Amino acid sequence: MLSRTRPARRAARALSLFTLLLAAGCASVPQATSAASATSATSTPEHAAAPPHHDAATPGHDAAPQHATPAHPGSGHGTPGSHAAPGSHDAPAPHTASPAASGDIDQQLAAVARIHGGTGPWAVAGYRMGQHALARLGLAAQSFDLEVVHHSPRAVQFTCIADGAAAATGASLGKLNLSLVEEPDETAVSTTYRRRSTGTSITLRPTAAFRTRFKNVPREQLPTAGRTAMELPASEIFEEAKP
């Protein structure tokens, strides 16, 4: 009887000890889990208050440059570090139009008519020469520093050039800066423009093609021929005479 009771008691003690160990193990599991969670939270700082992903660059790499939308020239806005030219959109690029494209042909013909009384091709040729000479000598119209000497036979059409020169430059007989030198031959027709202060001068004469084309134009055709001469390239009207 005693021999049977001892094994039963041993089994009961073992079962009781196992039960105690099991209970102790179950109580430690939540603690271990909480400790692991706390460790994970403290050992991963990048998950706490992480900066926005578009502001932070990957270590070892440069941040991609930001591109600004180009602004209109002269607006003062655009890529940082760039400077727009002030007022660049207000001032158009300089442009010198030829008489044929300027739209001022009527005004120029009117200027010739005010001095000459008409707009024939020879007076227009003198006007075109006078404009060219002023530009070459660096003078403005009406300058008393200009002297004009016209060489021509004493015959209408050739002398008309002198009136055209007066219309363009403002030189005149009354100002004593425009004079006529009579020549026997029409091939000697030329006009010399001189800047008195420097002695610089330029002599211009009608081209042979111009003389042939516009010689003895009928009176009723003079206005049309004069407009044509105002529209022609300068090289077809006059040339520079070398000393």
Protein backbone atom coordinates (compact mmCIF):
# COMPACT_ATOMS: atom_id res chain seq x y z
CA MET A 1 0.00 0.00 0.00
CA LEU A 2 2.86 2.30 0.93
CA SER A 3 4.70 1.39 -2.23
CA ARG A 4 1.78 2.50 -4.36
CA THR A 5 1.28 5.81 -2.55
CA ARG A 6 4.86 7.14 -3.05
CA PRO A 7 4.80 7.12 -6.85
CA ALA A 8 1.43 8.85 -6.82
CA ARG A 9 2.74 11.57 -4.56
CA ARG A 10 5.78 12.05 -6.75
CA ALA A 11 3.58 12.38 -9.79
CA ALA A 12 1.33 14.90 -8.01
CA ARG A 13 4.40 16.98 -6.98
CA ALA A 14 5.75 16.91 -10.49
CA LEU A 15 2.40 17.99 -11.89
CA SER A 16 2.16 20.79 -9.33
CA LEU A 17 5.71 21.98 -10.17
CA PHE A 18 4.95 21.88 -13.90
CA THR A 19 1.78 23.90 -13.30
CA LEU A 20 3.78 26.55 -11.37
CA LEU A 21 6.45 26.74 -14.08
CA LEU A 22 3.80 27.06 -16.79
CA ALA A 23 2.05 29.87 -14.95
CA ALA A 24 5.33 31.70 -14.42
CA GLY A 25 6.20 31.34 -18.12
CA CYS A 26 2.85 32.75 -19.31
CA ALA A 27 3.24 35.80 -17.07
CA SER A 28 6.68 36.60 -18.50
CA VAL A 29 5.57 36.54 -22.15
CA PRO A 30 3.69 39.93 -22.13
CA GLN A 31 6.58 41.54 -20.28
CA ALA A 32 9.04 40.29 -22.85
CA THR A 33 6.75 41.50 -25.65
CA SER A 34 6.42 44.97 -24.07
CA ALA A 35 10.18 45.17 -23.58
CA ALA A 36 10.78 44.20 -27.19
CA SER A 37 8.34 46.88 -28.39
CA ALA A 38 10.02 49.53 -26.26
CA THR A 39 13.44 48.49 -27.55
CA SER A 40 12.20 48.65 -31.13
CA ALA A 41 10.74 52.14 -30.61
CA THR A 42 13.94 53.52 -29.10
CA SER A 43 16.34 51.83 -31.49
CA THR A 44 14.67 53.18 -34.70
CA PRO A 45 14.87 56.97 -34.50
CA GLU A 46 14.17 57.46 -38.21
CA HIS A 47 10.50 56.51 -37.66
CA ALA A 48 9.97 59.34 -35.18
CA ALA A 49 9.20 62.75 -36.72
CA ALA A 50 10.74 61.81 -40.07
CA PRO A 51 11.17 64.91 -42.31
CA PRO A 52 9.16 65.08 -45.55
CA HIS A 53 10.64 62.77 -48.15
CA HIS A 54 10.92 65.55 -50.78
CA ASP A 55 13.12 67.71 -48.57
CA ALA A 56 15.69 65.14 -47.47
CA ALA A 57 18.32 63.86 -49.91
CA THR A 58 19.69 60.33 -49.85
CA PRO A 59 23.08 60.27 -48.03
CA GLY A 60 25.98 60.34 -50.50
CA HIS A 61 23.92 61.91 -53.28
CA ASP A 62 23.31 65.55 -54.15
CA ALA A 63 19.76 66.80 -54.14
CA ALA A 64 18.26 67.11 -57.62
CA PRO A 65 18.28 70.77 -58.74
CA GLN A 66 14.94 72.47 -58.84
CA HIS A 67 13.93 73.99 -62.16
CA ALA A 68 12.13 77.30 -62.23
CA THR A 69 9.79 78.14 -65.04
CA PRO A 70 11.47 80.77 -67.28
CA ALA A 71 9.83 84.15 -67.01
CA HIS A 72 9.24 86.63 -69.79
CA PRO A 73 12.28 88.80 -70.56
CA GLY A 74 12.36 91.99 -68.58
CA SER A 75 9.87 90.74 -65.95
CA GLY A 76 12.50 90.48 -63.22
CA HIS A 77 11.59 86.84 -62.38
CA GLY A 78 13.12 83.53 -63.32
CA THR A 79 15.91 81.20 -62.30
CA PRO A 80 17.66 82.35 -59.09
CA GLY A 81 20.95 84.07 -59.84
CA SER A 82 19.86 85.29 -63.26
CA HIS A 83 19.09 88.91 -63.96
CA ALA A 84 16.79 90.07 -66.71
CA ALA A 85 17.86 93.15 -68.62
CA PRO A 86 15.73 96.04 -67.36
CA GLY A 87 13.37 97.43 -69.93
CA SER A 88 14.63 94.98 -72.56
CA HIS A 89 11.04 94.27 -73.61
CA ASP A 90 10.21 97.95 -74.03
CA ALA A 91 12.90 99.02 -76.47
CA PRO A 92 12.81 97.41 -79.91
CA ALA A 93 16.04 96.75 -81.72
CA PRO A 94 17.27 99.61 -83.86
CA HIS A 95 16.23 99.36 -87.53
CA THR A 96 17.03 101.66 -90.40
CA ALA A 97 14.53 101.26 -93.21
CA SER A 98 15.23 101.99 -96.83
CA PRO A 99 13.03 104.62 -98.48
CA ALA A 100 11.14 101.89 -100.33
CA ALA A 101 10.06 100.19 -97.08
CA SER A 102 9.86 103.09 -94.64
CA GLY A 103 6.46 104.46 -95.63
CA ASP A 104 8.00 107.96 -95.56
CA ILE A 105 8.39 108.33 -99.31
CA ASP A 106 5.57 110.86 -99.52
CA GLN A 107 7.12 112.95 -96.75
CA GLN A 108 10.52 112.91 -98.44
CA LEU A 109 9.02 113.85 -101.79
CA ALA A 110 7.15 116.69 -100.06
CA ALA A 111 10.47 117.92 -98.59
CA VAL A 112 11.95 118.03 -102.11
CA ALA A 113 8.88 119.83 -103.48
CA ARG A 114 9.04 122.53 -100.78
CA ILE A 115 12.48 123.62 -102.04
CA HIS A 116 12.35 122.72 -105.72
CA GLY A 117 8.66 123.15 -106.54
CA GLY A 118 8.44 119.62 -107.98
CA THR A 119 9.64 116.07 -107.48
CA GLY A 120 11.55 115.23 -110.65
CA PRO A 121 14.18 112.44 -110.57
CA TRP A 122 17.21 114.77 -110.67
CA ALA A 123 16.07 116.76 -107.66
CA VAL A 124 15.34 113.48 -105.87
CA ALA A 125 18.85 112.28 -106.75
CA GLY A 126 20.28 115.42 -105.12
CA TYR A 127 18.16 114.74 -102.03
CA ARG A 128 19.41 111.16 -101.76
CA MET A 129 23.02 112.32 -102.21
CA GLY A 130 22.59 114.97 -99.52
CA GLN A 131 21.24 112.42 -97.01
CA HIS A 132 24.17 110.12 -97.71
CA ALA A 133 26.72 112.91 -97.36
CA LEU A 134 25.34 114.07 -93.99
CA ALA A 135 25.62 110.52 -92.65
CA ARG A 136 29.18 110.15 -93.93
CA LEU A 137 30.32 113.49 -92.51
CA GLY A 138 28.50 113.04 -89.20
CA LEU A 139 26.48 116.23 -89.57
CA ALA A 140 22.84 117.09 -88.96
CA ALA A 141 20.64 118.97 -91.40
CA GLN A 142 20.83 122.79 -91.14
CA SER A 143 24.44 122.62 -89.91
CA PHE A 144 26.52 125.73 -90.70
CA ASP A 145 29.56 123.47 -90.58
CA LEU A 146 28.55 122.07 -93.97
CA GLU A 147 29.56 123.50 -97.33
CA VAL A 148 28.03 122.24 -100.59
CA VAL A 149 29.49 122.93 -104.05
CA HIS A 150 27.58 121.65 -107.07
CA HIS A 151 29.32 121.27 -110.46
CA SER A 152 26.96 121.26 -113.45
CA PRO A 153 26.25 122.69 -116.90
CA ARG A 154 23.88 125.62 -116.79
CA ALA A 155 20.91 123.50 -117.76
CA VAL A 156 17.76 122.43 -115.96
CA GLN A 157 17.74 118.82 -114.76
CA PHE A 158 21.46 118.87 -113.98
CA THR A 159 21.09 121.94 -111.78
CA CYS A 160 18.03 120.40 -110.12
CA ILE A 161 20.45 118.29 -108.10
CA ALA A 162 21.47 121.43 -106.18
CA ASP A 163 17.88 121.99 -105.02
CA GLY A 164 17.65 118.38 -103.87
CA ALA A 165 20.89 118.82 -101.91
CA ALA A 166 19.42 121.94 -100.28
CA ALA A 167 16.26 120.04 -99.33
CA ALA A 168 18.26 117.30 -97.62
CA THR A 169 20.96 119.37 -95.91
CA GLY A 170 19.47 122.80 -95.32
CA ALA A 171 22.33 124.47 -97.19
CA SER A 172 21.35 127.49 -99.25
CA LEU A 173 22.65 130.45 -101.26
CA GLY A 174 21.48 132.82 -98.55
CA LYS A 175 23.53 130.99 -95.90
CA LEU A 176 26.55 131.15 -98.20
CA ASN A 177 27.12 127.41 -97.83
CA LEU A 178 25.69 126.34 -101.19
CA SER A 179 27.27 127.37 -104.49
CA LEU A 180 27.14 126.40 -108.16
CA VAL A 181 30.20 125.90 -110.35
CA GLU A 182 29.39 125.84 -114.05
CA GLU A 183 30.81 122.97 -116.09
CA PRO A 184 30.70 122.62 -119.90
CA ASP A 185 30.09 118.87 -119.95
CA GLU A 186 27.28 116.91 -118.30
CA THR A 187 29.70 114.07 -117.49
CA ALA A 188 31.31 116.45 -114.98
CA VAL A 189 28.10 116.73 -112.93
CA SER A 190 29.00 116.15 -109.28
CA THR A 191 28.39 117.59 -105.83
CA THR A 192 31.05 118.04 -103.15
CA TYR A 193 30.04 118.11 -99.47
CA ARG A 194 32.68 119.39 -97.06
CA ARG A 195 32.79 119.67 -93.28
CA ARG A 196 34.45 122.99 -92.66
CA SER A 197 35.72 122.26 -89.14
CA THR A 198 37.68 119.19 -90.21
CA GLY A 199 38.18 119.69 -93.95
CA THR A 200 36.69 116.23 -94.57
CA SER A 201 34.79 116.03 -97.84
CA ILE A 202 32.95 113.59 -100.08
CA THR A 203 32.07 114.04 -103.78
CA LEU A 204 29.08 112.23 -105.26
CA ARG A 205 27.87 112.04 -108.86
CA PRO A 206 24.98 110.38 -110.72
CA THR A 207 25.76 106.95 -112.11
CA ALA A 208 25.91 106.50 -115.88
CA ALA A 209 22.84 104.27 -115.69
CA PHE A 210 20.89 106.98 -113.85
CA ARG A 211 21.83 109.64 -116.43
CA THR A 212 20.74 107.38 -119.28
CA ARG A 213 17.47 106.33 -117.64
CA PHE A 214 16.25 109.74 -116.47
CA LYS A 215 17.65 112.18 -119.04
CA ASN A 216 15.05 114.42 -120.63
CA VAL A 217 12.02 112.88 -118.89
CA PRO A 218 8.80 114.52 -120.19
CA ARG A 219 7.38 117.05 -117.73
CA GLU A 220 4.14 115.13 -117.17
CA GLN A 221 6.12 112.04 -116.16
CA LEU A 222 8.42 113.80 -113.68
CA PRO A 223 6.41 112.98 -110.52
CA THR A 224 6.29 109.27 -111.36
CA ALA A 225 9.98 109.21 -112.28
CA GLY A 226 10.83 111.05 -109.06
CA ARG A 227 9.01 108.49 -106.94
CA THR A 228 10.85 105.73 -108.76
CA ALA A 229 14.17 107.43 -108.00
CA MET A 230 13.24 107.72 -104.32
CA GLU A 231 12.58 103.96 -104.19
CA LEU A 232 15.74 102.84 -106.01
CA PRO A 233 18.79 101.55 -104.12
CA ALA A 234 21.38 104.26 -103.59
CA SER A 235 23.90 102.35 -105.71
CA GLU A 236 21.66 102.81 -108.77
CA ILE A 237 21.42 106.57 -108.28
CA PHE A 238 24.86 107.87 -107.34
CA GLU A 239 28.44 106.85 -106.77
CA GLU A 240 31.40 108.36 -104.99
CA ALA A 241 33.90 110.17 -107.18
CA LYS A 242 37.46 109.55 -106.11
CA PRO A 243 39.88 112.52 -106.20
